[in-house]
Protein backbone atom coordinates (compact mmCIF):
# COMPACT_ATOMS: atom_id res chain seq x y z
CA MET A 1 5.64 -0.35 -58.05
CA LYS A 2 6.39 -3.72 -56.44
CA ARG A 3 8.48 -2.15 -53.72
CA LYS A 4 5.76 0.40 -52.96
CA ALA A 5 3.10 -2.33 -52.71
CA VAL A 6 5.24 -4.26 -50.26
CA TRP A 7 5.75 -1.18 -48.07
CA ILE A 8 2.02 -0.48 -48.08
CA ALA A 9 1.37 -4.08 -47.02
CA VAL A 10 3.98 -3.92 -44.26
CA ALA A 11 2.51 -0.65 -42.95
CA TYR A 12 -1.04 -2.05 -43.06
CA PHE A 13 -0.21 -5.28 -41.26
CA THR A 14 1.80 -3.40 -38.62
CA ALA A 15 -1.18 -1.11 -38.01
CA MET A 16 -3.45 -4.16 -37.96
CA ALA A 17 -1.31 -5.90 -35.34
CA ILE A 18 -1.45 -2.82 -33.14
CA ALA A 19 -5.16 -2.17 -33.70
CA ILE A 20 -6.48 -5.65 -32.88
CA THR A 21 -4.28 -6.60 -29.93
CA PHE A 22 -4.66 -5.67 -26.27
CA PRO A 23 -3.97 -1.94 -26.12
CA GLY A 24 -5.57 -1.23 -29.48
CA ILE A 25 -8.86 -3.07 -29.08
CA ARG A 26 -9.52 -2.35 -25.39
CA PRO A 27 -11.40 0.95 -25.93
CA PHE A 28 -13.74 -0.80 -28.38
CA ASN A 29 -14.50 -3.83 -26.22
CA THR A 30 -18.21 -3.17 -25.74
CA ILE A 31 -21.36 -4.92 -26.87
CA GLN A 32 -23.10 -1.68 -27.85
CA PRO A 33 -23.25 -0.27 -30.50
CA LEU A 34 -24.18 -3.01 -32.90
CA ILE A 35 -22.97 -2.79 -36.49
CA PHE A 36 -24.96 -4.93 -38.93
CA GLY A 37 -26.20 -6.93 -35.94
CA ILE A 38 -22.80 -7.81 -34.50
CA PRO A 39 -21.02 -6.16 -31.57
CA PHE A 40 -18.62 -3.35 -32.42
CA VAL A 41 -15.55 -5.30 -31.26
CA PHE A 42 -16.26 -8.06 -33.81
CA ALA A 43 -16.98 -5.53 -36.54
CA TRP A 44 -13.64 -3.85 -35.71
CA VAL A 45 -11.70 -7.10 -36.21
CA LEU A 46 -13.72 -8.09 -39.29
CA SER A 47 -13.00 -4.74 -40.94
CA TRP A 48 -9.26 -5.23 -40.47
CA VAL A 49 -9.49 -8.76 -41.88
CA ALA A 50 -11.50 -7.51 -44.88
CA GLY A 51 -8.84 -4.86 -45.42
CA SER A 52 -6.14 -7.52 -45.41
CA VAL A 53 -7.98 -9.31 -48.22
CA VAL A 54 -7.75 -6.10 -50.26
CA ILE A 55 -4.03 -5.76 -49.47
CA PHE A 56 -3.35 -9.37 -50.48
CA PHE A 57 -5.25 -8.81 -53.73
CA ILE A 58 -3.14 -5.74 -54.49
CA LEU A 59 0.04 -7.71 -53.82
CA TYR A 60 -1.20 -10.57 -55.99
CA ARG A 61 -2.00 -8.25 -58.90
CA THR A 62 1.36 -6.48 -58.51
CA TYR A 63 3.44 -9.65 -58.57
CA GLN A 64 1.34 -11.48 -61.16
CA LYS A 65 3.06 -9.73 -64.05
């Protein structure tokens, strides 16, 4: 289970690095539409950061035992 959790984390953070850097975020770099009152580009980055919190929690619970 620990090895699987680490691979999931590696895959997520690799996808995150691609999705929020230059080629990944460029199509979403617009002010409209607004999501919860913030521009879509900020919501895009915030969603990846919120997902990383979930991944870190899963890793913490896996290695706590």
